[in-house]
Amino acid sequence: MINGMDDDQGRILRWNFFIGGHLSASVPVRLVERTEAGQLVWMEAGTPMWRTKLPRGAHLRDIAPHRRPAGGYPVVADRWPMGSALFYQPTGAAHSVLWLFGRRQKFRGWYVNLERRIHHGDDIDISDHELDINVAPDRTWRWKDEQSFVEKTGHPAYWSADEASAIRSEGASVARLAEAGTFPFDGTWCNFRPPPTWTTPPRPPVPRHPLL
């Protein structure tokens, strides 16, 4: 478990989410805590953000890399459409664990995002690994997006077969933590509330790098 609060608590960072090397979304988040073990950041529902401008109904993960523009997609202003979430980003790990919150800040469960993460300055660049895990409040869990993960394996824009094995192994290790009820699945942070002084972060400047 992370202990102590960082002097930069409340600092606005940028969570940049890439799929197959192309930017999908750039969302401002607030730093909750940072230690040698990792950091926690808070993403508020409805936060002003940037997202890629795609054909109506399309999702970036479903567009084959060879059909994407070489220079990346343009971005448009939007708001984070999902619920609020607290992200735990352990140092050196290839995953994040999210505490998901619904209406009235009710805890809805955890979400394990398998990813490669790069920190530089106030930017957190996330290269998504497609395969994820849903963990219910009772700590039962299931894989998510297994088929699309398999379909992307071996493509140069994504990961090799050996890398796919490592990604799945990372997920299995986190799932064992859920089964054991150890941190981050031990009940801590499930009642998290952002400080009342925190306002919703403003939309950040237009992302300069649509390609990772």
N, C-alpha and C. Protein backbone atom coordinates (compact mmCIF):
# COMPACT_ATOMS: atom_id res chain seq x y z
N MET A 1 0.84 -1.19 0.00
CA MET A 1 0.00 0.00 0.00
C MET A 1 0.88 1.25 0.00
N ILE A 2 0.43 2.27 -0.72
CA ILE A 2 1.16 3.54 -0.75
C ILE A 2 0.88 4.31 0.52
N ASN A 3 1.90 4.93 1.07
CA ASN A 3 1.73 5.70 2.30
C ASN A 3 2.22 7.13 2.08
N GLY A 4 1.56 8.06 2.75
CA GLY A 4 2.01 9.45 2.72
C GLY A 4 1.52 10.18 1.49
N MET A 5 1.44 11.50 1.60
CA MET A 5 0.95 12.31 0.50
C MET A 5 2.09 13.11 -0.10
N ASP A 6 2.04 13.30 -1.39
CA ASP A 6 3.08 14.00 -2.11
C ASP A 6 2.83 15.50 -2.05
N ASP A 7 3.93 16.28 -2.06
CA ASP A 7 3.79 17.73 -2.02
C ASP A 7 3.09 18.27 -3.25
N ASP A 8 3.13 17.52 -4.35
CA ASP A 8 2.49 17.94 -5.59
C ASP A 8 1.05 17.46 -5.70
N GLN A 9 0.45 17.03 -4.62
CA GLN A 9 -0.93 16.55 -4.67
C GLN A 9 -1.81 17.60 -5.32
N GLY A 10 -2.59 17.17 -6.29
CA GLY A 10 -3.48 18.08 -7.02
C GLY A 10 -2.89 18.60 -8.31
N ARG A 11 -1.60 18.33 -8.54
CA ARG A 11 -0.95 18.77 -9.77
C ARG A 11 -1.66 18.16 -10.98
N ILE A 12 -1.83 18.94 -12.04
CA ILE A 12 -2.51 18.46 -13.23
C ILE A 12 -1.48 17.82 -14.17
N LEU A 13 -1.73 16.57 -14.52
CA LEU A 13 -0.91 15.82 -15.46
C LEU A 13 -1.76 15.51 -16.70
N ARG A 14 -1.12 14.99 -17.75
CA ARG A 14 -1.84 14.63 -18.97
C ARG A 14 -1.71 13.13 -19.21
N TRP A 15 -2.85 12.46 -19.28
CA TRP A 15 -2.92 11.03 -19.56
C TRP A 15 -3.19 10.88 -21.05
N ASN A 16 -2.18 10.41 -21.78
CA ASN A 16 -2.26 10.30 -23.23
C ASN A 16 -2.35 8.83 -23.61
N PHE A 17 -3.42 8.45 -24.27
CA PHE A 17 -3.73 7.05 -24.52
C PHE A 17 -3.53 6.74 -26.00
N PHE A 18 -2.60 5.81 -26.29
CA PHE A 18 -2.26 5.44 -27.67
C PHE A 18 -2.67 4.01 -27.96
N ILE A 19 -3.20 3.80 -29.16
CA ILE A 19 -3.56 2.47 -29.64
C ILE A 19 -2.80 2.22 -30.94
N GLY A 20 -1.94 1.21 -30.94
CA GLY A 20 -1.16 0.93 -32.13
C GLY A 20 -0.30 2.09 -32.56
N GLY A 21 0.17 2.88 -31.59
CA GLY A 21 1.04 4.01 -31.88
C GLY A 21 0.34 5.30 -32.21
N HIS A 22 -1.00 5.28 -32.36
CA HIS A 22 -1.76 6.49 -32.69
C HIS A 22 -2.51 6.99 -31.46
N LEU A 23 -2.48 8.28 -31.25
CA LEU A 23 -3.18 8.88 -30.11
C LEU A 23 -4.68 8.66 -30.22
N SER A 24 -5.29 8.20 -29.14
CA SER A 24 -6.73 8.03 -29.09
C SER A 24 -7.39 9.12 -28.24
N ALA A 25 -6.76 9.48 -27.12
CA ALA A 25 -7.33 10.49 -26.22
C ALA A 25 -6.22 11.11 -25.38
N SER A 26 -6.42 12.38 -25.02
CA SER A 26 -5.53 13.08 -24.10
C SER A 26 -6.40 13.76 -23.06
N VAL A 27 -6.27 13.32 -21.82
CA VAL A 27 -7.18 13.75 -20.75
C VAL A 27 -6.37 14.29 -19.57
N PRO A 28 -6.69 15.47 -19.04
CA PRO A 28 -5.99 15.94 -17.84
C PRO A 28 -6.48 15.18 -16.61
N VAL A 29 -5.54 14.83 -15.75
CA VAL A 29 -5.84 14.12 -14.50
C VAL A 29 -5.12 14.85 -13.37
N ARG A 30 -5.54 14.58 -12.15
CA ARG A 30 -4.88 15.19 -10.99
C ARG A 30 -4.09 14.15 -10.21
N LEU A 31 -2.89 14.54 -9.80
CA LEU A 31 -2.05 13.66 -8.99
C LEU A 31 -2.62 13.57 -7.58
N VAL A 32 -2.85 12.36 -7.13
CA VAL A 32 -3.32 12.12 -5.76
C VAL A 32 -2.15 11.83 -4.84
N GLU A 33 -1.22 11.00 -5.33
CA GLU A 33 -0.11 10.57 -4.48
C GLU A 33 0.99 10.00 -5.36
N ARG A 34 2.24 10.26 -4.96
CA ARG A 34 3.39 9.70 -5.70
C ARG A 34 4.46 9.29 -4.70
N THR A 35 4.91 8.05 -4.80
CA THR A 35 6.01 7.54 -3.99
C THR A 35 6.89 6.68 -4.89
N GLU A 36 7.92 6.07 -4.31
CA GLU A 36 8.77 5.18 -5.08
C GLU A 36 8.00 3.98 -5.60
N ALA A 37 6.93 3.60 -4.91
CA ALA A 37 6.14 2.43 -5.33
C ALA A 37 5.29 2.70 -6.57
N GLY A 38 4.97 3.96 -6.80
CA GLY A 38 4.12 4.29 -7.92
C GLY A 38 3.33 5.56 -7.65
N GLN A 39 2.33 5.80 -8.47
CA GLN A 39 1.52 7.00 -8.26
C GLN A 39 0.04 6.70 -8.48
N LEU A 40 -0.77 7.54 -7.86
CA LEU A 40 -2.22 7.50 -8.03
C LEU A 40 -2.65 8.81 -8.69
N VAL A 41 -3.51 8.70 -9.70
CA VAL A 41 -4.05 9.89 -10.34
C VAL A 41 -5.57 9.75 -10.42
N TRP A 42 -6.25 10.90 -10.45
CA TRP A 42 -7.71 10.94 -10.44
C TRP A 42 -8.20 11.52 -11.76
N MET A 43 -9.11 10.78 -12.41
CA MET A 43 -9.75 11.24 -13.63
C MET A 43 -11.23 11.47 -13.35
N GLU A 44 -11.67 12.68 -13.59
CA GLU A 44 -13.05 13.08 -13.27
C GLU A 44 -13.95 12.90 -14.48
N ALA A 45 -15.13 12.34 -14.27
CA ALA A 45 -16.12 12.22 -15.35
C ALA A 45 -16.43 13.61 -15.92
N GLY A 46 -16.52 13.69 -17.24
CA GLY A 46 -16.85 14.96 -17.88
C GLY A 46 -15.71 15.92 -18.05
N THR A 47 -14.48 15.50 -17.73
CA THR A 47 -13.32 16.39 -17.86
C THR A 47 -13.10 16.79 -19.32
N PRO A 48 -12.86 18.08 -19.61
CA PRO A 48 -12.54 18.50 -20.98
C PRO A 48 -11.26 17.82 -21.46
N MET A 49 -11.29 17.31 -22.69
CA MET A 49 -10.19 16.49 -23.20
C MET A 49 -10.07 16.68 -24.71
N TRP A 50 -9.14 15.94 -25.30
CA TRP A 50 -9.01 15.83 -26.75
C TRP A 50 -9.14 14.36 -27.13
N ARG A 51 -9.77 14.12 -28.27
CA ARG A 51 -9.85 12.76 -28.80
C ARG A 51 -9.61 12.80 -30.30
N THR A 52 -9.25 11.65 -30.86
CA THR A 52 -9.04 11.58 -32.29
C THR A 52 -10.37 11.75 -33.03
N LYS A 53 -10.31 12.43 -34.15
CA LYS A 53 -11.49 12.61 -34.99
C LYS A 53 -11.58 11.43 -35.96
N LEU A 54 -12.56 10.57 -35.74
CA LEU A 54 -12.71 9.35 -36.51
C LEU A 54 -14.07 9.35 -37.22
N PRO A 55 -14.24 8.49 -38.23
CA PRO A 55 -15.56 8.35 -38.85
C PRO A 55 -16.60 7.97 -37.80
N ARG A 56 -17.81 8.43 -38.00
CA ARG A 56 -18.88 8.19 -37.03
C ARG A 56 -19.01 6.70 -36.70
N GLY A 57 -19.01 6.41 -35.42
CA GLY A 57 -19.19 5.04 -34.96
C GLY A 57 -17.93 4.20 -34.96
N ALA A 58 -16.81 4.75 -35.48
CA ALA A 58 -15.57 3.97 -35.56
C ALA A 58 -14.80 4.08 -34.25
N HIS A 59 -14.00 3.05 -33.96
CA HIS A 59 -13.09 3.07 -32.83
C HIS A 59 -11.70 2.80 -33.35
N LEU A 60 -10.72 3.52 -32.82
CA LEU A 60 -9.36 3.42 -33.32
C LEU A 60 -8.83 1.99 -33.30
N ARG A 61 -9.18 1.23 -32.27
CA ARG A 61 -8.64 -0.13 -32.17
C ARG A 61 -9.17 -1.03 -33.28
N ASP A 62 -10.28 -0.62 -33.94
CA ASP A 62 -10.86 -1.44 -35.00
C ASP A 62 -10.40 -1.02 -36.39
N ILE A 63 -9.58 0.03 -36.48
CA ILE A 63 -9.09 0.50 -37.78
C ILE A 63 -7.69 -0.07 -37.98
N ALA A 64 -7.52 -0.85 -39.03
CA ALA A 64 -6.23 -1.47 -39.30
C ALA A 64 -5.15 -0.40 -39.45
N PRO A 65 -3.96 -0.62 -38.90
CA PRO A 65 -2.90 0.40 -38.96
C PRO A 65 -2.62 0.91 -40.37
N HIS A 66 -2.69 0.04 -41.39
CA HIS A 66 -2.37 0.49 -42.75
C HIS A 66 -3.45 1.40 -43.33
N ARG A 67 -4.60 1.48 -42.66
CA ARG A 67 -5.68 2.36 -43.12
C ARG A 67 -5.68 3.71 -42.37
N ARG A 68 -4.74 3.89 -41.46
CA ARG A 68 -4.67 5.13 -40.71
C ARG A 68 -3.75 6.13 -41.41
N PRO A 69 -4.01 7.44 -41.25
CA PRO A 69 -3.13 8.44 -41.88
C PRO A 69 -1.72 8.37 -41.30
N ALA A 70 -0.72 8.50 -42.18
CA ALA A 70 0.68 8.35 -41.76
C ALA A 70 1.07 9.34 -40.68
N GLY A 71 0.49 10.54 -40.70
CA GLY A 71 0.84 11.55 -39.72
C GLY A 71 -0.05 11.57 -38.50
N GLY A 72 -0.93 10.59 -38.38
CA GLY A 72 -1.85 10.56 -37.24
C GLY A 72 -3.15 11.28 -37.56
N TYR A 73 -4.16 11.04 -36.75
CA TYR A 73 -5.46 11.67 -36.93
C TYR A 73 -5.49 13.08 -36.32
N PRO A 74 -6.34 13.95 -36.87
CA PRO A 74 -6.56 15.23 -36.18
C PRO A 74 -7.32 14.97 -34.87
N VAL A 75 -7.29 15.94 -33.96
CA VAL A 75 -8.00 15.78 -32.69
C VAL A 75 -9.11 16.82 -32.59
N VAL A 76 -10.12 16.50 -31.82
CA VAL A 76 -11.24 17.41 -31.59
C VAL A 76 -11.49 17.52 -30.09
N ALA A 77 -12.03 18.65 -29.68
CA ALA A 77 -12.35 18.86 -28.27
C ALA A 77 -13.55 18.00 -27.88
N ASP A 78 -13.49 17.45 -26.68
CA ASP A 78 -14.58 16.61 -26.19
C ASP A 78 -14.52 16.60 -24.67
N ARG A 79 -15.32 15.75 -24.05
CA ARG A 79 -15.28 15.55 -22.60
C ARG A 79 -15.20 14.06 -22.32
N TRP A 80 -14.51 13.70 -21.23
CA TRP A 80 -14.34 12.30 -20.89
C TRP A 80 -15.71 11.67 -20.67
N PRO A 81 -16.08 10.68 -21.51
CA PRO A 81 -17.45 10.16 -21.49
C PRO A 81 -17.70 9.08 -20.45
N MET A 82 -16.63 8.54 -19.85
CA MET A 82 -16.78 7.45 -18.90
C MET A 82 -16.91 8.02 -17.48
N GLY A 83 -17.11 7.14 -16.53
CA GLY A 83 -17.21 7.57 -15.14
C GLY A 83 -15.87 7.99 -14.57
N SER A 84 -15.89 8.48 -13.35
CA SER A 84 -14.66 8.87 -12.67
C SER A 84 -13.87 7.62 -12.27
N ALA A 85 -12.54 7.78 -12.19
CA ALA A 85 -11.70 6.63 -11.84
C ALA A 85 -10.43 7.10 -11.15
N LEU A 86 -9.98 6.28 -10.22
CA LEU A 86 -8.69 6.47 -9.56
C LEU A 86 -7.73 5.46 -10.17
N PHE A 87 -6.62 5.93 -10.72
CA PHE A 87 -5.64 5.07 -11.38
C PHE A 87 -4.44 4.83 -10.47
N TYR A 88 -4.07 3.57 -10.26
CA TYR A 88 -2.81 3.25 -9.61
C TYR A 88 -1.84 2.80 -10.69
N GLN A 89 -0.70 3.49 -10.79
CA GLN A 89 0.31 3.21 -11.80
C GLN A 89 1.60 2.79 -11.10
N PRO A 90 1.76 1.48 -10.84
CA PRO A 90 2.94 1.01 -10.10
C PRO A 90 4.22 1.21 -10.91
N THR A 91 5.26 1.61 -10.24
CA THR A 91 6.54 1.87 -10.88
C THR A 91 7.09 0.62 -11.56
N GLY A 92 7.45 0.76 -12.82
CA GLY A 92 8.09 -0.33 -13.54
C GLY A 92 7.17 -1.44 -13.99
N ALA A 93 5.87 -1.33 -13.73
CA ALA A 93 4.93 -2.39 -14.09
C ALA A 93 4.30 -2.10 -15.45
N ALA A 94 3.82 -3.15 -16.11
CA ALA A 94 3.17 -3.00 -17.41
C ALA A 94 1.66 -3.07 -17.27
N HIS A 95 1.15 -2.39 -16.25
CA HIS A 95 -0.30 -2.32 -16.06
C HIS A 95 -0.65 -1.14 -15.16
N SER A 96 -1.91 -0.77 -15.20
CA SER A 96 -2.50 0.14 -14.23
C SER A 96 -3.72 -0.55 -13.64
N VAL A 97 -4.07 -0.18 -12.41
CA VAL A 97 -5.29 -0.67 -11.79
C VAL A 97 -6.18 0.53 -11.51
N LEU A 98 -7.43 0.45 -11.99
CA LEU A 98 -8.37 1.54 -11.82
C LEU A 98 -9.44 1.16 -10.81
N TRP A 99 -9.75 2.08 -9.91
CA TRP A 99 -10.96 1.99 -9.09
C TRP A 99 -12.02 2.76 -9.86
N LEU A 100 -13.12 2.10 -10.23
CA LEU A 100 -14.17 2.72 -11.02
C LEU A 100 -15.29 3.20 -10.11
N PHE A 101 -15.76 4.42 -10.36
CA PHE A 101 -16.82 5.00 -9.53
C PHE A 101 -18.00 5.43 -10.41
N GLY A 102 -19.19 5.17 -9.93
CA GLY A 102 -20.40 5.54 -10.65
C GLY A 102 -21.03 6.78 -10.04
N ARG A 103 -22.33 6.87 -10.16
CA ARG A 103 -23.05 8.02 -9.62
C ARG A 103 -22.88 8.09 -8.11
N ARG A 104 -22.80 9.32 -7.63
CA ARG A 104 -22.62 9.59 -6.20
C ARG A 104 -21.35 8.91 -5.66
N GLN A 105 -20.38 8.76 -6.54
CA GLN A 105 -19.07 8.22 -6.16
C GLN A 105 -19.16 6.80 -5.61
N LYS A 106 -20.14 6.02 -6.07
CA LYS A 106 -20.25 4.64 -5.59
C LYS A 106 -19.22 3.77 -6.31
N PHE A 107 -18.45 3.02 -5.53
CA PHE A 107 -17.44 2.13 -6.08
C PHE A 107 -18.10 1.01 -6.87
N ARG A 108 -17.62 0.80 -8.13
CA ARG A 108 -18.23 -0.19 -9.01
C ARG A 108 -17.33 -1.38 -9.31
N GLY A 109 -16.08 -1.34 -8.85
CA GLY A 109 -15.17 -2.43 -9.12
C GLY A 109 -13.84 -1.90 -9.64
N TRP A 110 -12.95 -2.83 -9.96
CA TRP A 110 -11.62 -2.47 -10.46
C TRP A 110 -11.51 -2.83 -11.94
N TYR A 111 -10.58 -2.18 -12.60
CA TYR A 111 -10.28 -2.47 -14.00
C TYR A 111 -8.77 -2.50 -14.14
N VAL A 112 -8.24 -3.58 -14.68
CA VAL A 112 -6.80 -3.71 -14.89
C VAL A 112 -6.51 -3.43 -16.36
N ASN A 113 -5.78 -2.36 -16.62
CA ASN A 113 -5.40 -2.01 -17.99
C ASN A 113 -3.95 -2.45 -18.22
N LEU A 114 -3.75 -3.40 -19.11
CA LEU A 114 -2.40 -3.86 -19.45
C LEU A 114 -1.83 -2.90 -20.49
N GLU A 115 -0.60 -2.44 -20.26
CA GLU A 115 -0.10 -1.30 -21.03
C GLU A 115 1.40 -1.16 -20.89
N ARG A 116 1.99 -0.38 -21.78
CA ARG A 116 3.36 0.11 -21.61
C ARG A 116 3.26 1.59 -21.30
N ARG A 117 3.90 2.04 -20.25
CA ARG A 117 3.71 3.40 -19.76
C ARG A 117 5.03 4.15 -19.74
N ILE A 118 5.02 5.36 -20.27
CA ILE A 118 6.20 6.20 -20.30
C ILE A 118 5.85 7.54 -19.66
N HIS A 119 6.63 7.96 -18.67
CA HIS A 119 6.44 9.24 -17.99
C HIS A 119 7.50 10.22 -18.48
N HIS A 120 7.08 11.39 -18.91
CA HIS A 120 8.04 12.45 -19.22
C HIS A 120 7.39 13.79 -18.91
N GLY A 121 7.98 14.47 -17.91
CA GLY A 121 7.38 15.71 -17.45
C GLY A 121 5.99 15.45 -16.87
N ASP A 122 5.03 16.24 -17.31
CA ASP A 122 3.66 16.09 -16.84
C ASP A 122 2.84 15.17 -17.74
N ASP A 123 3.49 14.52 -18.69
CA ASP A 123 2.79 13.62 -19.61
C ASP A 123 2.96 12.17 -19.18
N ILE A 124 1.86 11.43 -19.24
CA ILE A 124 1.86 9.99 -19.00
C ILE A 124 1.39 9.36 -20.30
N ASP A 125 2.31 8.79 -21.07
CA ASP A 125 1.98 8.19 -22.36
C ASP A 125 1.70 6.70 -22.16
N ILE A 126 0.52 6.29 -22.57
CA ILE A 126 0.07 4.92 -22.39
C ILE A 126 -0.03 4.25 -23.76
N SER A 127 0.73 3.17 -23.95
CA SER A 127 0.58 2.34 -25.14
C SER A 127 -0.26 1.13 -24.74
N ASP A 128 -1.48 1.10 -25.22
CA ASP A 128 -2.43 0.08 -24.74
C ASP A 128 -2.09 -1.30 -25.28
N HIS A 129 -2.24 -2.30 -24.41
CA HIS A 129 -1.97 -3.69 -24.79
C HIS A 129 -3.25 -4.48 -25.05
N GLU A 130 -4.35 -3.81 -25.21
CA GLU A 130 -5.64 -4.39 -25.62
C GLU A 130 -6.26 -5.31 -24.58
N LEU A 131 -5.52 -6.32 -24.14
CA LEU A 131 -6.04 -7.28 -23.18
C LEU A 131 -6.16 -6.62 -21.81
N ASP A 132 -7.33 -6.75 -21.19
CA ASP A 132 -7.57 -6.14 -19.88
C ASP A 132 -8.30 -7.12 -18.97
N ILE A 133 -8.55 -6.71 -17.74
CA ILE A 133 -9.23 -7.56 -16.77
C ILE A 133 -10.27 -6.73 -16.02
N ASN A 134 -11.49 -7.24 -15.93
CA ASN A 134 -12.52 -6.66 -15.07
C ASN A 134 -12.52 -7.40 -13.74
N VAL A 135 -12.49 -6.65 -12.65
CA VAL A 135 -12.54 -7.25 -11.32
C VAL A 135 -13.75 -6.68 -10.57
N ALA A 136 -14.67 -7.53 -10.20
CA ALA A 136 -15.89 -7.11 -9.51
C ALA A 136 -15.58 -6.75 -8.05
N PRO A 137 -16.50 -6.03 -7.38
CA PRO A 137 -16.27 -5.69 -5.97
C PRO A 137 -16.02 -6.91 -5.08
N ASP A 138 -16.56 -8.10 -5.47
CA ASP A 138 -16.31 -9.31 -4.68
C ASP A 138 -15.01 -10.00 -5.09
N ARG A 139 -14.25 -9.34 -5.99
CA ARG A 139 -12.92 -9.77 -6.44
C ARG A 139 -12.94 -10.94 -7.41
N THR A 140 -14.10 -11.32 -7.89
CA THR A 140 -14.12 -12.24 -9.02
C THR A 140 -13.67 -11.46 -10.25
N TRP A 141 -13.02 -12.14 -11.18
CA TRP A 141 -12.44 -11.43 -12.31
C TRP A 141 -12.63 -12.20 -13.61
N ARG A 142 -12.48 -11.46 -14.72
CA ARG A 142 -12.54 -12.09 -16.04
C ARG A 142 -11.71 -11.27 -17.02
N TRP A 143 -11.17 -11.97 -18.01
CA TRP A 143 -10.43 -11.29 -19.06
C TRP A 143 -11.38 -10.47 -19.93
N LYS A 144 -10.85 -9.43 -20.54
CA LYS A 144 -11.62 -8.59 -21.45
C LYS A 144 -10.83 -8.44 -22.75
N ASP A 145 -11.52 -8.49 -23.89
CA ASP A 145 -10.93 -8.27 -25.22
C ASP A 145 -9.89 -9.32 -25.59
N GLU A 146 -10.12 -10.56 -25.20
CA GLU A 146 -9.17 -11.63 -25.53
C GLU A 146 -9.06 -11.85 -27.04
N GLN A 147 -10.19 -11.86 -27.73
CA GLN A 147 -10.16 -12.16 -29.16
C GLN A 147 -9.42 -11.09 -29.95
N SER A 148 -9.70 -9.81 -29.66
CA SER A 148 -9.02 -8.75 -30.40
C SER A 148 -7.53 -8.70 -30.04
N PHE A 149 -7.19 -9.10 -28.82
CA PHE A 149 -5.77 -9.20 -28.44
C PHE A 149 -5.07 -10.25 -29.29
N VAL A 150 -5.69 -11.39 -29.47
CA VAL A 150 -5.12 -12.46 -30.28
C VAL A 150 -4.98 -11.99 -31.73
N GLU A 151 -5.99 -11.30 -32.24
CA GLU A 151 -5.98 -10.86 -33.63
C GLU A 151 -4.86 -9.85 -33.91
N LYS A 152 -4.50 -9.05 -32.92
CA LYS A 152 -3.44 -8.04 -33.10
C LYS A 152 -2.05 -8.61 -32.89
N THR A 153 -1.95 -9.75 -32.23
CA THR A 153 -0.65 -10.35 -31.95
C THR A 153 0.08 -10.70 -33.24
N GLY A 154 1.34 -10.26 -33.32
CA GLY A 154 2.15 -10.53 -34.50
C GLY A 154 2.21 -9.38 -35.48
N HIS A 155 1.31 -8.40 -35.31
CA HIS A 155 1.35 -7.23 -36.20
C HIS A 155 2.43 -6.28 -35.70
N PRO A 156 3.26 -5.73 -36.61
CA PRO A 156 4.36 -4.85 -36.16
C PRO A 156 3.92 -3.60 -35.42
N ALA A 157 2.68 -3.17 -35.60
CA ALA A 157 2.19 -1.99 -34.88
C ALA A 157 1.81 -2.33 -33.44
N TYR A 158 1.75 -3.64 -33.12
CA TYR A 158 1.30 -4.04 -31.80
C TYR A 158 2.38 -4.83 -31.05
N TRP A 159 2.31 -6.14 -31.01
CA TRP A 159 3.24 -6.92 -30.19
C TRP A 159 3.47 -8.28 -30.85
N SER A 160 4.64 -8.85 -30.54
CA SER A 160 4.99 -10.16 -31.07
C SER A 160 4.33 -11.25 -30.22
N ALA A 161 4.48 -12.50 -30.66
CA ALA A 161 3.93 -13.61 -29.89
C ALA A 161 4.60 -13.70 -28.52
N ASP A 162 5.91 -13.48 -28.47
CA ASP A 162 6.62 -13.52 -27.19
C ASP A 162 6.14 -12.40 -26.27
N GLU A 163 5.95 -11.21 -26.84
CA GLU A 163 5.45 -10.09 -26.05
C GLU A 163 4.04 -10.35 -25.57
N ALA A 164 3.22 -11.00 -26.42
CA ALA A 164 1.85 -11.33 -26.02
C ALA A 164 1.85 -12.26 -24.82
N SER A 165 2.78 -13.20 -24.80
CA SER A 165 2.88 -14.12 -23.66
C SER A 165 3.23 -13.36 -22.38
N ALA A 166 4.14 -12.38 -22.50
CA ALA A 166 4.52 -11.58 -21.33
C ALA A 166 3.36 -10.71 -20.86
N ILE A 167 2.59 -10.18 -21.81
CA ILE A 167 1.43 -9.34 -21.45
C ILE A 167 0.40 -10.16 -20.69
N ARG A 168 0.11 -11.35 -21.20
CA ARG A 168 -0.86 -12.21 -20.51
C ARG A 168 -0.35 -12.63 -19.13
N SER A 169 0.94 -12.90 -19.04
CA SER A 169 1.53 -13.27 -17.75
C SER A 169 1.40 -12.13 -16.75
N GLU A 170 1.61 -10.90 -17.22
CA GLU A 170 1.44 -9.73 -16.35
C GLU A 170 0.02 -9.67 -15.81
N GLY A 171 -0.95 -9.89 -16.70
CA GLY A 171 -2.35 -9.87 -16.28
C GLY A 171 -2.65 -10.97 -15.27
N ALA A 172 -2.12 -12.16 -15.51
CA ALA A 172 -2.36 -13.28 -14.60
C ALA A 172 -1.79 -12.99 -13.21
N SER A 173 -0.64 -12.31 -13.16
CA SER A 173 -0.05 -11.96 -11.86
C SER A 173 -0.94 -11.00 -11.09
N VAL A 174 -1.52 -10.02 -11.81
CA VAL A 174 -2.41 -9.07 -11.15
C VAL A 174 -3.70 -9.77 -10.71
N ALA A 175 -4.20 -10.69 -11.52
CA ALA A 175 -5.40 -11.44 -11.15
C ALA A 175 -5.19 -12.22 -9.87
N ARG A 176 -3.99 -12.75 -9.67
CA ARG A 176 -3.70 -13.49 -8.42
C ARG A 176 -3.76 -12.56 -7.21
N LEU A 177 -3.38 -11.30 -7.40
CA LEU A 177 -3.50 -10.34 -6.29
C LEU A 177 -4.98 -10.13 -5.94
N ALA A 178 -5.82 -10.08 -6.98
CA ALA A 178 -7.26 -9.93 -6.73
C ALA A 178 -7.80 -11.14 -5.98
N GLU A 179 -7.41 -12.32 -6.39
CA GLU A 179 -7.88 -13.54 -5.73
C GLU A 179 -7.45 -13.58 -4.27
N ALA A 180 -6.26 -13.05 -3.99
CA ALA A 180 -5.74 -13.07 -2.62
C ALA A 180 -6.27 -11.91 -1.78
N GLY A 181 -6.88 -10.92 -2.44
CA GLY A 181 -7.40 -9.76 -1.71
C GLY A 181 -6.31 -8.87 -1.17
N THR A 182 -5.16 -8.86 -1.83
CA THR A 182 -4.06 -7.99 -1.41
C THR A 182 -4.07 -6.72 -2.25
N PHE A 183 -3.30 -5.72 -1.80
CA PHE A 183 -3.29 -4.43 -2.49
C PHE A 183 -2.92 -4.64 -3.96
N PRO A 184 -3.62 -3.98 -4.85
CA PRO A 184 -4.60 -2.90 -4.63
C PRO A 184 -6.05 -3.35 -4.50
N PHE A 185 -6.25 -4.63 -4.21
CA PHE A 185 -7.62 -5.16 -4.12
C PHE A 185 -8.02 -5.48 -2.69
N ASP A 186 -7.43 -4.76 -1.73
CA ASP A 186 -7.68 -5.06 -0.32
C ASP A 186 -8.73 -4.15 0.31
N GLY A 187 -9.39 -3.34 -0.51
CA GLY A 187 -10.44 -2.46 0.02
C GLY A 187 -10.00 -1.03 0.24
N THR A 188 -8.68 -0.77 0.19
CA THR A 188 -8.22 0.61 0.33
C THR A 188 -8.61 1.42 -0.90
N TRP A 189 -8.84 2.69 -0.69
CA TRP A 189 -9.18 3.67 -1.72
C TRP A 189 -10.58 3.48 -2.31
N CYS A 190 -11.32 2.48 -1.86
CA CYS A 190 -12.66 2.27 -2.43
C CYS A 190 -13.62 3.39 -2.03
N ASN A 191 -13.31 4.11 -0.98
CA ASN A 191 -14.15 5.23 -0.55
C ASN A 191 -13.51 6.57 -0.87
N PHE A 192 -12.59 6.58 -1.82
CA PHE A 192 -11.88 7.82 -2.14
C PHE A 192 -12.83 8.91 -2.62
N ARG A 193 -12.59 10.10 -2.13
CA ARG A 193 -13.30 11.29 -2.60
C ARG A 193 -12.26 12.37 -2.87
N PRO A 194 -12.27 13.00 -4.03
CA PRO A 194 -11.30 14.07 -4.27
C PRO A 194 -11.56 15.24 -3.33
N PRO A 195 -10.53 15.96 -2.94
CA PRO A 195 -10.72 17.12 -2.06
C PRO A 195 -11.73 18.10 -2.67
N PRO A 196 -12.58 18.69 -1.85
CA PRO A 196 -13.60 19.61 -2.37
C PRO A 196 -13.01 20.84 -3.05
N THR A 197 -11.74 21.12 -2.79
CA THR A 197 -11.10 22.28 -3.43
C THR A 197 -10.69 22.00 -4.87
N TRP A 198 -10.69 20.72 -5.27
CA TRP A 198 -10.29 20.39 -6.64
C TRP A 198 -11.41 20.74 -7.62
N THR A 199 -11.08 21.56 -8.57
CA THR A 199 -12.01 21.85 -9.66
C THR A 199 -11.71 20.90 -10.82
N THR A 200 -12.65 20.79 -11.74
CA THR A 200 -12.40 19.97 -12.92
C THR A 200 -11.28 20.61 -13.73
N PRO A 201 -10.24 19.85 -14.09
CA PRO A 201 -9.13 20.44 -14.84
C PRO A 201 -9.58 21.00 -16.19
N PRO A 202 -8.97 22.10 -16.63
CA PRO A 202 -9.31 22.64 -17.94
C PRO A 202 -8.74 21.75 -19.05
N ARG A 203 -9.27 21.92 -20.24
CA ARG A 203 -8.73 21.18 -21.39
C ARG A 203 -7.28 21.59 -21.63
N PRO A 204 -6.38 20.64 -21.76
CA PRO A 204 -4.96 20.97 -21.97
C PRO A 204 -4.72 21.52 -23.37
N PRO A 205 -3.53 22.02 -23.64
CA PRO A 205 -3.21 22.45 -25.00
C PRO A 205 -3.39 21.29 -25.99
N VAL A 206 -3.56 21.63 -27.25
CA VAL A 206 -3.70 20.60 -28.29
C VAL A 206 -2.48 19.68 -28.25
N PRO A 207 -2.67 18.36 -28.23
CA PRO A 207 -1.52 17.44 -28.21
C PRO A 207 -0.60 17.69 -29.41
N ARG A 208 0.69 17.72 -29.14
CA ARG A 208 1.67 17.98 -30.21
C ARG A 208 2.10 16.71 -30.91
N HIS A 209 1.88 15.58 -30.28
CA HIS A 209 2.41 14.33 -30.83
C HIS A 209 1.27 13.31 -30.99
N PRO A 210 0.63 13.26 -32.17
CA PRO A 210 -0.44 12.27 -32.37
C PRO A 210 0.08 10.85 -32.57
N LEU A 211 1.42 10.71 -32.70
CA LEU A 211 2.02 9.40 -32.86
C LEU A 211 2.99 9.14 -31.72
N LEU A 212 2.98 7.92 -31.22
CA LEU A 212 3.87 7.56 -30.13
C LEU A 212 5.21 7.12 -30.69
